[in-house]
Full PDB file with SEQRES, HELIX, SHEET, SSBOND, CRYST1, ORIGX, SCALE, CONECT and MASTER records, all heavy atoms in Angstrom:
SEQRES   1 A   36  TYR LEU GLN LEU ASN ASN LEU LYS THR GLU ASP THR ALA          
SEQRES   2 A   36  MET TYR TYR CYS ALA LYS GLN CYS ILE GLU THR GLU CYS          
SEQRES   3 A   36  GLU ARG ILE PRO THR SER LYS VAL LEU VAL                      
HELIX    1 AA1 THR A    9  ASP A   11  5                                   3    
HELIX    2 AA2 THR A   31  LYS A   33  5                                   3    
SSBOND   1 CYS A   21    CYS A   26                          1555   1555  1.95  
CRYST1    1.000    1.000    1.000  90.00  90.00  90.00 P 1           1          
ORIGX1      1.000000  0.000000  0.000000        0.00000                         
ORIGX2      0.000000  1.000000  0.000000        0.00000                         
ORIGX3      0.000000  0.000000  1.000000        0.00000                         
SCALE1      1.000000  0.000000  0.000000        0.00000                         
SCALE2      0.000000  1.000000  0.000000        0.00000                         
SCALE3      0.000000  0.000000  1.000000        0.00000                         
ATOM      1  N   TYR A   1     104.829  99.371  75.562  1.00  0.00           N  
ATOM      2  CA  TYR A   1     104.171  98.234  74.941  1.00  0.00           C  
ATOM      3  C   TYR A   1     105.001  96.972  75.124  1.00  0.00           C  
ATOM      4  O   TYR A   1     106.214  97.018  75.300  1.00  0.00           O  
ATOM      5  CB  TYR A   1     103.971  98.468  73.442  1.00  0.00           C  
ATOM      6  CG  TYR A   1     103.240  99.736  73.121  1.00  0.00           C  
ATOM      7  CD1 TYR A   1     103.929 100.868  72.707  1.00  0.00           C  
ATOM      8  CD2 TYR A   1     101.851  99.807  73.227  1.00  0.00           C  
ATOM      9  CE1 TYR A   1     103.260 102.043  72.412  1.00  0.00           C  
ATOM     10  CE2 TYR A   1     101.179 100.983  72.936  1.00  0.00           C  
ATOM     11  CZ  TYR A   1     101.884 102.093  72.527  1.00  0.00           C  
ATOM     12  OH  TYR A   1     101.213 103.255  72.237  1.00  0.00           O  
ATOM     13  N   LEU A   2     104.323  95.864  75.054  1.00  0.00           N  
ATOM     14  CA  LEU A   2     104.993  94.572  75.019  1.00  0.00           C  
ATOM     15  C   LEU A   2     104.280  93.698  74.006  1.00  0.00           C  
ATOM     16  O   LEU A   2     103.113  93.356  74.195  1.00  0.00           O  
ATOM     17  CB  LEU A   2     104.991  93.898  76.395  1.00  0.00           C  
ATOM     18  CG  LEU A   2     105.788  92.600  76.487  1.00  0.00           C  
ATOM     19  CD1 LEU A   2     107.280  92.879  76.329  1.00  0.00           C  
ATOM     20  CD2 LEU A   2     105.521  91.891  77.815  1.00  0.00           C  
ATOM     21  N   GLN A   3     104.984  93.370  72.949  1.00  0.00           N  
ATOM     22  CA  GLN A   3     104.469  92.462  71.947  1.00  0.00           C  
ATOM     23  C   GLN A   3     104.831  91.046  72.353  1.00  0.00           C  
ATOM     24  O   GLN A   3     106.009  90.732  72.532  1.00  0.00           O  
ATOM     25  CB  GLN A   3     105.057  92.784  70.575  1.00  0.00           C  
ATOM     26  CG  GLN A   3     104.582  91.876  69.454  1.00  0.00           C  
ATOM     27  CD  GLN A   3     103.113  92.063  69.132  1.00  0.00           C  
ATOM     28  OE1 GLN A   3     102.632  93.189  69.078  1.00  0.00           O  
ATOM     29  NE2 GLN A   3     102.401  90.959  68.929  1.00  0.00           N  
ATOM     30  N   LEU A   4     103.838  90.213  72.517  1.00  0.00           N  
ATOM     31  CA  LEU A   4     104.037  88.836  72.924  1.00  0.00           C  
ATOM     32  C   LEU A   4     103.697  87.930  71.750  1.00  0.00           C  
ATOM     33  O   LEU A   4     102.549  87.886  71.312  1.00  0.00           O  
ATOM     34  CB  LEU A   4     103.163  88.457  74.121  1.00  0.00           C  
ATOM     35  CG  LEU A   4     103.362  89.191  75.446  1.00  0.00           C  
ATOM     36  CD1 LEU A   4     102.697  90.562  75.417  1.00  0.00           C  
ATOM     37  CD2 LEU A   4     102.761  88.362  76.577  1.00  0.00           C  
ATOM     38  N   ASN A   5     104.682  87.221  71.246  1.00  0.00           N  
ATOM     39  CA  ASN A   5     104.492  86.319  70.127  1.00  0.00           C  
ATOM     40  C   ASN A   5     104.806  84.888  70.538  1.00  0.00           C  
ATOM     41  O   ASN A   5     105.536  84.648  71.493  1.00  0.00           O  
ATOM     42  CB  ASN A   5     105.385  86.720  68.953  1.00  0.00           C  
ATOM     43  CG  ASN A   5     105.060  88.077  68.395  1.00  0.00           C  
ATOM     44  OD1 ASN A   5     103.893  88.459  68.297  1.00  0.00           O  
ATOM     45  ND2 ASN A   5     106.091  88.823  67.998  1.00  0.00           N  
ATOM     46  N   ASN A   6     104.272  83.967  69.762  1.00  0.00           N  
ATOM     47  CA  ASN A   6     104.521  82.545  70.005  1.00  0.00           C  
ATOM     48  C   ASN A   6     104.323  82.206  71.477  1.00  0.00           C  
ATOM     49  O   ASN A   6     105.175  81.594  72.119  1.00  0.00           O  
ATOM     50  CB  ASN A   6     105.927  82.171  69.549  1.00  0.00           C  
ATOM     51  CG  ASN A   6     106.156  80.678  69.515  1.00  0.00           C  
ATOM     52  OD1 ASN A   6     105.211  79.893  69.380  1.00  0.00           O  
ATOM     53  ND2 ASN A   6     107.411  80.261  69.641  1.00  0.00           N  
ATOM     54  N   LEU A   7     103.184  82.579  71.977  1.00  0.00           N  
ATOM     55  CA  LEU A   7     102.914  82.420  73.401  1.00  0.00           C  
ATOM     56  C   LEU A   7     102.848  80.960  73.813  1.00  0.00           C  
ATOM     57  O   LEU A   7     102.360  80.105  73.076  1.00  0.00           O  
ATOM     58  CB  LEU A   7     101.618  83.123  73.761  1.00  0.00           C  
ATOM     59  CG  LEU A   7     101.750  84.640  73.880  1.00  0.00           C  
ATOM     60  CD1 LEU A   7     100.392  85.308  73.782  1.00  0.00           C  
ATOM     61  CD2 LEU A   7     102.428  85.004  75.197  1.00  0.00           C  
ATOM     62  N   LYS A   8     103.347  80.722  75.005  1.00  0.00           N  
ATOM     63  CA  LYS A   8     103.353  79.395  75.601  1.00  0.00           C  
ATOM     64  C   LYS A   8     102.481  79.399  76.848  1.00  0.00           C  
ATOM     65  O   LYS A   8     102.245  80.448  77.443  1.00  0.00           O  
ATOM     66  CB  LYS A   8     104.779  78.992  75.980  1.00  0.00           C  
ATOM     67  CG  LYS A   8     105.770  79.024  74.831  1.00  0.00           C  
ATOM     68  CD  LYS A   8     107.167  78.687  75.323  1.00  0.00           C  
ATOM     69  CE  LYS A   8     108.163  78.713  74.186  1.00  0.00           C  
ATOM     70  NZ  LYS A   8     109.533  78.389  74.651  1.00  0.00           N  
ATOM     71  N   THR A   9     102.034  78.230  77.254  1.00  0.00           N  
ATOM     72  CA  THR A   9     101.228  78.154  78.463  1.00  0.00           C  
ATOM     73  C   THR A   9     101.986  78.694  79.667  1.00  0.00           C  
ATOM     74  O   THR A   9     101.373  79.248  80.582  1.00  0.00           O  
ATOM     75  CB  THR A   9     100.778  76.717  78.735  1.00  0.00           C  
ATOM     76  OG1 THR A   9     101.916  75.855  78.827  1.00  0.00           O  
ATOM     77  CG2 THR A   9      99.869  76.219  77.620  1.00  0.00           C  
ATOM     78  N   GLU A  10     103.299  78.560  79.647  1.00  0.00           N  
ATOM     79  CA  GLU A  10     104.127  79.047  80.740  1.00  0.00           C  
ATOM     80  C   GLU A  10     104.144  80.574  80.839  1.00  0.00           C  
ATOM     81  O   GLU A  10     104.625  81.123  81.837  1.00  0.00           O  
ATOM     82  CB  GLU A  10     105.569  78.549  80.596  1.00  0.00           C  
ATOM     83  CG  GLU A  10     105.705  77.043  80.495  1.00  0.00           C  
ATOM     84  CD  GLU A  10     105.602  76.556  79.069  1.00  0.00           C  
ATOM     85  OE1 GLU A  10     106.592  76.696  78.323  1.00  0.00           O  
ATOM     86  OE2 GLU A  10     104.530  76.035  78.691  1.00  0.00           O  
ATOM     87  N   ASP A  11     103.654  81.245  79.810  1.00  0.00           N  
ATOM     88  CA  ASP A  11     103.582  82.702  79.829  1.00  0.00           C  
ATOM     89  C   ASP A  11     102.349  83.212  80.564  1.00  0.00           C  
ATOM     90  O   ASP A  11     102.204  84.425  80.743  1.00  0.00           O  
ATOM     91  CB  ASP A  11     103.582  83.263  78.409  1.00  0.00           C  
ATOM     92  CG  ASP A  11     104.866  82.973  77.668  1.00  0.00           C  
ATOM     93  OD1 ASP A  11     105.951  83.101  78.268  1.00  0.00           O  
ATOM     94  OD2 ASP A  11     104.778  82.614  76.470  1.00  0.00           O  
ATOM     95  N   THR A  12     101.481  82.319  80.948  1.00  0.00           N  
ATOM     96  CA  THR A  12     100.286  82.722  81.685  1.00  0.00           C  
ATOM     97  C   THR A  12     100.684  83.423  82.977  1.00  0.00           C  
ATOM     98  O   THR A  12     101.398  82.863  83.805  1.00  0.00           O  
ATOM     99  CB  THR A  12      99.406  81.508  82.002  1.00  0.00           C  
ATOM    100  OG1 THR A  12      98.911  80.954  80.782  1.00  0.00           O  
ATOM    101  CG2 THR A  12      98.223  81.900  82.875  1.00  0.00           C  
ATOM    102  N   ALA A  13     100.234  84.649  83.128  1.00  0.00           N  
ATOM    103  CA  ALA A  13     100.628  85.441  84.282  1.00  0.00           C  
ATOM    104  C   ALA A  13      99.893  86.771  84.268  1.00  0.00           C  
ATOM    105  O   ALA A  13      99.303  87.170  83.269  1.00  0.00           O  
ATOM    106  CB  ALA A  13     102.136  85.699  84.279  1.00  0.00           C  
ATOM    107  N   MET A  14      99.958  87.447  85.394  1.00  0.00           N  
ATOM    108  CA  MET A  14      99.566  88.839  85.447  1.00  0.00           C  
ATOM    109  C   MET A  14     100.790  89.658  85.040  1.00  0.00           C  
ATOM    110  O   MET A  14     101.871  89.487  85.606  1.00  0.00           O  
ATOM    111  CB  MET A  14      99.107  89.215  86.844  1.00  0.00           C  
ATOM    112  CG  MET A  14      98.550  90.625  86.952  1.00  0.00           C  
ATOM    113  SD  MET A  14      96.932  90.802  86.152  1.00  0.00           S  
ATOM    114  CE  MET A  14      95.892  89.924  87.322  1.00  0.00           C  
ATOM    115  N   TYR A  15     100.612  90.527  84.072  1.00  0.00           N  
ATOM    116  CA  TYR A  15     101.711  91.329  83.556  1.00  0.00           C  
ATOM    117  C   TYR A  15     101.602  92.753  84.065  1.00  0.00           C  
ATOM    118  O   TYR A  15     100.538  93.378  83.990  1.00  0.00           O  
ATOM    119  CB  TYR A  15     101.718  91.318  82.030  1.00  0.00           C  
ATOM    120  CG  TYR A  15     102.270  90.040  81.458  1.00  0.00           C  
ATOM    121  CD1 TYR A  15     101.532  88.862  81.525  1.00  0.00           C  
ATOM    122  CD2 TYR A  15     103.530  89.988  80.870  1.00  0.00           C  
ATOM    123  CE1 TYR A  15     102.035  87.675  81.024  1.00  0.00           C  
ATOM    124  CE2 TYR A  15     104.042  88.810  80.359  1.00  0.00           C  
ATOM    125  CZ  TYR A  15     103.288  87.654  80.440  1.00  0.00           C  
ATOM    126  OH  TYR A  15     103.792  86.474  79.934  1.00  0.00           O  
ATOM    127  N   TYR A  16     102.718  93.283  84.552  1.00  0.00           N  
ATOM    128  CA  TYR A  16     102.764  94.607  85.151  1.00  0.00           C  
ATOM    129  C   TYR A  16     103.751  95.503  84.428  1.00  0.00           C  
ATOM    130  O   TYR A  16     104.841  95.075  84.052  1.00  0.00           O  
ATOM    131  CB  TYR A  16     103.188  94.525  86.616  1.00  0.00           C  
ATOM    132  CG  TYR A  16     102.287  93.696  87.490  1.00  0.00           C  
ATOM    133  CD1 TYR A  16     102.570  92.360  87.735  1.00  0.00           C  
ATOM    134  CD2 TYR A  16     101.161  94.254  88.083  1.00  0.00           C  
ATOM    135  CE1 TYR A  16     101.750  91.593  88.542  1.00  0.00           C  
ATOM    136  CE2 TYR A  16     100.337  93.501  88.888  1.00  0.00           C  
ATOM    137  CZ  TYR A  16     100.637  92.173  89.123  1.00  0.00           C  
ATOM    138  OH  TYR A  16      99.820  91.416  89.929  1.00  0.00           O  
ATOM    139  N   CYS A  17     103.374  96.735  84.282  1.00  0.00           N  
ATOM    140  CA  CYS A  17     104.234  97.783  83.765  1.00  0.00           C  
ATOM    141  C   CYS A  17     104.959  98.433  84.939  1.00  0.00           C  
ATOM    142  O   CYS A  17     104.321  98.863  85.905  1.00  0.00           O  
ATOM    143  CB  CYS A  17     103.365  98.802  83.028  1.00  0.00           C  
ATOM    144  SG  CYS A  17     104.190 100.290  82.469  1.00  0.00           S  
ATOM    145  N   ALA A  18     106.280  98.506  84.865  1.00  0.00           N  
ATOM    146  CA  ALA A  18     107.073  99.039  85.964  1.00  0.00           C  
ATOM    147  C   ALA A  18     107.988 100.157  85.490  1.00  0.00           C  
ATOM    148  O   ALA A  18     108.382 100.199  84.329  1.00  0.00           O  
ATOM    149  CB  ALA A  18     107.910  97.923  86.589  1.00  0.00           C  
ATOM    150  N   LYS A  19     108.317 101.042  86.392  1.00  0.00           N  
ATOM    151  CA  LYS A  19     109.215 102.138  86.084  1.00  0.00           C  
ATOM    152  C   LYS A  19     110.431 102.119  86.988  1.00  0.00           C  
ATOM    153  O   LYS A  19     110.379 101.603  88.113  1.00  0.00           O  
ATOM    154  CB  LYS A  19     108.518 103.496  86.213  1.00  0.00           C  
ATOM    155  CG  LYS A  19     108.223 103.914  87.635  1.00  0.00           C  
ATOM    156  CD  LYS A  19     107.588 105.306  87.707  1.00  0.00           C  
ATOM    157  CE  LYS A  19     108.558 106.411  87.348  1.00  0.00           C  
ATOM    158  NZ  LYS A  19     109.632 106.606  88.345  1.00  0.00           N  
ATOM    159  N   GLN A  20     111.500 102.674  86.494  1.00  0.00           N  
ATOM    160  CA  GLN A  20     112.697 102.907  87.277  1.00  0.00           C  
ATOM    161  C   GLN A  20     112.364 103.793  88.464  1.00  0.00           C  
ATOM    162  O   GLN A  20     111.660 104.798  88.327  1.00  0.00           O  
ATOM    163  CB  GLN A  20     113.747 103.575  86.391  1.00  0.00           C  
ATOM    164  CG  GLN A  20     114.999 104.024  87.088  1.00  0.00           C  
ATOM    165  CD  GLN A  20     115.849 104.886  86.182  1.00  0.00           C  
ATOM    166  OE1 GLN A  20     115.426 105.290  85.105  1.00  0.00           O  
ATOM    167  NE2 GLN A  20     117.067 105.174  86.603  1.00  0.00           N  
ATOM    168  N   CYS A  21     112.863 103.442  89.616  1.00  0.00           N  
ATOM    169  CA  CYS A  21     112.648 104.255  90.804  1.00  0.00           C  
ATOM    170  C   CYS A  21     113.606 105.430  90.817  1.00  0.00           C  
ATOM    171  O   CYS A  21     114.810 105.268  90.598  1.00  0.00           O  
ATOM    172  CB  CYS A  21     112.848 103.425  92.061  1.00  0.00           C  
ATOM    173  SG  CYS A  21     111.634 102.103  92.279  1.00  0.00           S  
ATOM    174  N   ILE A  22     113.068 106.592  91.081  1.00  0.00           N  
ATOM    175  CA  ILE A  22     113.855 107.821  91.145  1.00  0.00           C  
ATOM    176  C   ILE A  22     113.817 108.382  92.564  1.00  0.00           C  
ATOM    177  O   ILE A  22     112.751 108.518  93.166  1.00  0.00           O  
ATOM    178  CB  ILE A  22     113.321 108.875  90.157  1.00  0.00           C  
ATOM    179  CG1 ILE A  22     113.400 108.355  88.722  1.00  0.00           C  
ATOM    180  CG2 ILE A  22     114.092 110.177  90.288  1.00  0.00           C  
ATOM    181  CD1 ILE A  22     114.800 108.058  88.262  1.00  0.00           C  
ATOM    182  N   GLU A  23     114.980 108.690  93.068  1.00  0.00           N  
ATOM    183  CA  GLU A  23     115.118 109.244  94.414  1.00  0.00           C  
ATOM    184  C   GLU A  23     114.417 108.343  95.434  1.00  0.00           C  
ATOM    185  O   GLU A  23     114.725 107.156  95.508  1.00  0.00           O  
ATOM    186  CB  GLU A  23     114.611 110.688  94.437  1.00  0.00           C  
ATOM    187  CG  GLU A  23     115.427 111.597  93.521  1.00  0.00           C  
ATOM    188  CD  GLU A  23     114.920 113.020  93.462  1.00  0.00           C  
ATOM    189  OE1 GLU A  23     113.774 113.277  93.853  1.00  0.00           O  
ATOM    190  OE2 GLU A  23     115.685 113.886  93.015  1.00  0.00           O  
ATOM    191  N   THR A  24     113.467 108.887  96.172  1.00  0.00           N  
ATOM    192  CA  THR A  24     112.832 108.129  97.241  1.00  0.00           C  
ATOM    193  C   THR A  24     111.422 107.671  96.913  1.00  0.00           C  
ATOM    194  O   THR A  24     110.703 107.194  97.795  1.00  0.00           O  
ATOM    195  CB  THR A  24     112.786 108.967  98.525  1.00  0.00           C  
ATOM    196  OG1 THR A  24     112.002 110.142  98.303  1.00  0.00           O  
ATOM    197  CG2 THR A  24     114.179 109.367  98.964  1.00  0.00           C  
ATOM    198  N   GLU A  25     111.022 107.776  95.666  1.00  0.00           N  
ATOM    199  CA  GLU A  25     109.623 107.536  95.320  1.00  0.00           C  
ATOM    200  C   GLU A  25     109.154 106.104  95.558  1.00  0.00           C  
ATOM    201  O   GLU A  25     107.947 105.867  95.680  1.00  0.00           O  
ATOM    202  CB  GLU A  25     109.352 107.923  93.864  1.00  0.00           C  
ATOM    203  CG  GLU A  25     110.066 107.059  92.841  1.00  0.00           C  
ATOM    204  CD  GLU A  25     109.744 107.464  91.414  1.00  0.00           C  
ATOM    205  OE1 GLU A  25     108.940 108.388  91.206  1.00  0.00           O  
ATOM    206  OE2 GLU A  25     110.308 106.852  90.496  1.00  0.00           O  
ATOM    207  N   CYS A  26     110.071 105.167  95.622  1.00  0.00           N  
ATOM    208  CA  CYS A  26     109.679 103.780  95.815  1.00  0.00           C  
ATOM    209  C   CYS A  26     109.779 103.310  97.260  1.00  0.00           C  
ATOM    210  O   CYS A  26     109.531 102.132  97.539  1.00  0.00           O  
ATOM    211  CB  CYS A  26     110.521 102.864  94.922  1.00  0.00           C  
ATOM    212  SG  CYS A  26     110.185 103.069  93.162  1.00  0.00           S  
ATOM    213  N   GLU A  27     110.106 104.201  98.140  1.00  0.00           N  
ATOM    214  CA  GLU A  27     110.251 103.814  99.542  1.00  0.00           C  
ATOM    215  C   GLU A  27     108.940 103.317 100.128  1.00  0.00           C  
ATOM    216  O   GLU A  27     108.946 102.483 101.041  1.00  0.00           O  
ATOM    217  CB  GLU A  27     110.781 104.982 100.372  1.00  0.00           C  
ATOM    218  CG  GLU A  27     112.236 105.316 100.104  1.00  0.00           C  
ATOM    219  CD  GLU A  27     112.751 106.412 101.009  1.00  0.00           C  
ATOM    220  OE1 GLU A  27     111.937 107.054 101.701  1.00  0.00           O  
ATOM    221  OE2 GLU A  27     113.979 106.617 101.042  1.00  0.00           O  
ATOM    222  N   ARG A  28     107.840 103.825  99.639  1.00  0.00           N  
ATOM    223  CA  ARG A  28     106.530 103.433 100.146  1.00  0.00           C  
ATOM    224  C   ARG A  28     105.905 102.284  99.360  1.00  0.00           C  
ATOM    225  O   ARG A  28     104.797 101.845  99.674  1.00  0.00           O  
ATOM    226  CB  ARG A  28     105.584 104.628 100.135  1.00  0.00           C  
ATOM    227  CG  ARG A  28     105.983 105.735 101.102  1.00  0.00           C  
ATOM    228  CD  ARG A  28     104.998 106.887 101.051  1.00  0.00           C  
ATOM    229  NE  ARG A  28     105.331 107.925 102.011  1.00  0.00           N  
ATOM    230  CZ  ARG A  28     104.914 107.937 103.261  1.00  0.00           C  
ATOM    231  NH1 ARG A  28     104.134 106.960 103.707  1.00  0.00           N  
ATOM    232  NH2 ARG A  28     105.267 108.914 104.067  1.00  0.00           N  
ATOM    233  N   ILE A  29     106.607 101.809  98.348  1.00  0.00           N  
ATOM    234  CA  ILE A  29     106.093 100.711  97.540  1.00  0.00           C  
ATOM    235  C   ILE A  29     106.410  99.389  98.228  1.00  0.00           C  
ATOM    236  O   ILE A  29     107.567  99.149  98.595  1.00  0.00           O  
ATOM    237  CB  ILE A  29     106.705 100.721  96.128  1.00  0.00           C  
ATOM    238  CG1 ILE A  29     106.441 102.069  95.443  1.00  0.00           C  
ATOM    239  CG2 ILE A  29     106.158  99.578  95.295  1.00  0.00           C  
ATOM    240  CD1 ILE A  29     104.976 102.359  95.230  1.00  0.00           C  
ATOM    241  N   PRO A  30     105.425  98.523  98.389  1.00  0.00           N  
ATOM    242  CA  PRO A  30     105.691  97.221  99.002  1.00  0.00           C  
ATOM    243  C   PRO A  30     106.760  96.459  98.229  1.00  0.00           C  
ATOM    244  O   PRO A  30     106.794  96.499  96.994  1.00  0.00           O  
ATOM    245  CB  PRO A  30     104.342  96.507  98.928  1.00  0.00           C  
ATOM    246  CG  PRO A  30     103.334  97.613  98.853  1.00  0.00           C  
ATOM    247  CD  PRO A  30     103.996  98.704  98.057  1.00  0.00           C  
ATOM    248  N   THR A  31     107.599  95.756  98.944  1.00  0.00           N  
ATOM    249  CA  THR A  31     108.683  95.030  98.299  1.00  0.00           C  
ATOM    250  C   THR A  31     108.178  93.976  97.327  1.00  0.00           C  
ATOM    251  O   THR A  31     108.906  93.580  96.410  1.00  0.00           O  
ATOM    252  CB  THR A  31     109.595  94.372  99.338  1.00  0.00           C  
ATOM    253  OG1 THR A  31     108.818  93.531 100.194  1.00  0.00           O  
ATOM    254  CG2 THR A  31     110.286  95.437 100.180  1.00  0.00           C  
ATOM    255  N   SER A  32     106.949  93.516  97.508  1.00  0.00           N  
ATOM    256  CA  SER A  32     106.372  92.545  96.591  1.00  0.00           C  
ATOM    257  C   SER A  32     106.162  93.117  95.195  1.00  0.00           C  
ATOM    258  O   SER A  32     105.951  92.361  94.243  1.00  0.00           O  
ATOM    259  CB  SER A  32     105.044  92.022  97.131  1.00  0.00           C  
ATOM    260  OG  SER A  32     104.087  93.063  97.251  1.00  0.00           O  
ATOM    261  N   LYS A  33     106.219  94.426  95.067  1.00  0.00           N  
ATOM    262  CA  LYS A  33     106.035  95.100  93.791  1.00  0.00           C  
ATOM    263  C   LYS A  33     107.335  95.643  93.225  1.00  0.00           C  
ATOM    264  O   LYS A  33     107.322  96.399  92.249  1.00  0.00           O  
ATOM    265  CB  LYS A  33     105.036  96.257  93.945  1.00  0.00           C  
ATOM    266  CG  LYS A  33     103.643  95.823  94.385  1.00  0.00           C  
ATOM    267  CD  LYS A  33     102.710  97.015  94.473  1.00  0.00           C  
ATOM    268  CE  LYS A  33     101.308  96.584  94.879  1.00  0.00           C  
ATOM    269  NZ  LYS A  33     100.375  97.740  94.914  1.00  0.00           N  
ATOM    270  N   VAL A  34     108.443  95.251  93.801  1.00  0.00           N  
ATOM    271  CA  VAL A  34     109.742  95.805  93.449  1.00  0.00           C  
ATOM    272  C   VAL A  34     110.705  94.716  93.008  1.00  0.00           C  
ATOM    273  O   VAL A  34     110.752  93.627  93.585  1.00  0.00           O  
ATOM    274  CB  VAL A  34     110.336  96.567  94.654  1.00  0.00           C  
ATOM    275  CG1 VAL A  34     111.748  97.040  94.343  1.00  0.00           C  
ATOM    276  CG2 VAL A  34     109.453  97.747  95.030  1.00  0.00           C  
ATOM    277  N   LEU A  35     111.475  95.025  91.976  1.00  0.00           N  
ATOM    278  CA  LEU A  35     112.583  94.173  91.553  1.00  0.00           C  
ATOM    279  C   LEU A  35     113.789  95.049  91.237  1.00  0.00           C  
ATOM    280  O   LEU A  35     113.642  96.169  90.769  1.00  0.00           O  
ATOM    281  CB  LEU A  35     112.236  93.367  90.303  1.00  0.00           C  
ATOM    282  CG  LEU A  35     111.282  92.185  90.437  1.00  0.00           C  
ATOM    283  CD1 LEU A  35     111.003  91.582  89.061  1.00  0.00           C  
ATOM    284  CD2 LEU A  35     111.852  91.131  91.368  1.00  0.00           C  
ATOM    285  N   VAL A  36     114.966  94.526  91.508  1.00  0.00           N  
ATOM    286  CA  VAL A  36     116.203  95.196  91.137  1.00  0.00           C  
ATOM    287  C   VAL A  36     116.835  94.416  89.993  1.00  0.00           C  
ATOM    288  O   VAL A  36     117.159  93.232  90.152  1.00  0.00           O  
ATOM    289  CB  VAL A  36     117.173  95.294  92.320  1.00  0.00           C  
ATOM    290  CG1 VAL A  36     118.467  95.968  91.882  1.00  0.00           C  
ATOM    291  CG2 VAL A  36     116.531  96.068  93.461  1.00  0.00           C  
TER     292      VAL A  36                                                      
CONECT  173  212                                                                
CONECT  212  173                                                                
MASTER        0    0    0    2    0    0    0    6  291    1    2    3          
END                                                                             
Protein backbone atom coordinates (compact mmCIF):
# COMPACT_ATOMS: atom_id res chain seq x y z
CA TYR A 1 0.00 0.00 0.00
CA LEU A 2 0.91 3.62 -0.37
CA GLN A 3 -0.94 6.24 1.61
CA LEU A 4 -0.70 9.59 -0.13
CA ASN A 5 -1.54 12.60 2.00
CA ASN A 6 -1.42 16.33 1.40
CA LEU A 7 -1.19 15.73 -2.30
CA LYS A 8 0.38 18.31 -4.55
CA THR A 9 -0.06 18.87 -8.26
CA GLU A 10 3.54 17.73 -8.65
CA ASP A 11 2.47 14.29 -7.44
CA THR A 12 0.48 13.73 -10.60
CA ALA A 13 1.91 10.60 -12.14
CA MET A 14 1.40 6.99 -13.00
CA TYR A 15 2.27 5.02 -9.88
CA TYR A 16 3.82 1.57 -10.11
CA CYS A 17 4.31 -1.20 -7.62
CA ALA A 18 7.80 -2.69 -7.90
CA LYS A 19 9.61 -5.63 -6.39
CA GLN A 20 13.20 -6.41 -5.60
CA CYS A 21 14.80 -8.39 -8.38
CA ILE A 22 15.87 -11.89 -7.42
CA GLU A 23 18.49 -13.82 -9.34
CA THR A 24 17.89 -13.39 -13.07
CA GLU A 25 14.18 -12.63 -13.08
CA CYS A 26 14.62 -9.03 -14.19
CA GLU A 27 16.91 -9.73 -17.10
CA ARG A 28 13.96 -9.68 -19.48
CA ILE A 29 12.44 -6.55 -17.97
CA PRO A 30 12.93 -3.42 -20.08
CA THR A 31 15.31 -0.97 -18.47
CA SER A 32 12.56 1.65 -18.58
CA LYS A 33 10.82 -0.35 -15.86
CA VAL A 34 13.87 -0.77 -13.66
CA LEU A 35 15.52 1.35 -10.98
CA VAL A 36 18.45 0.63 -8.70
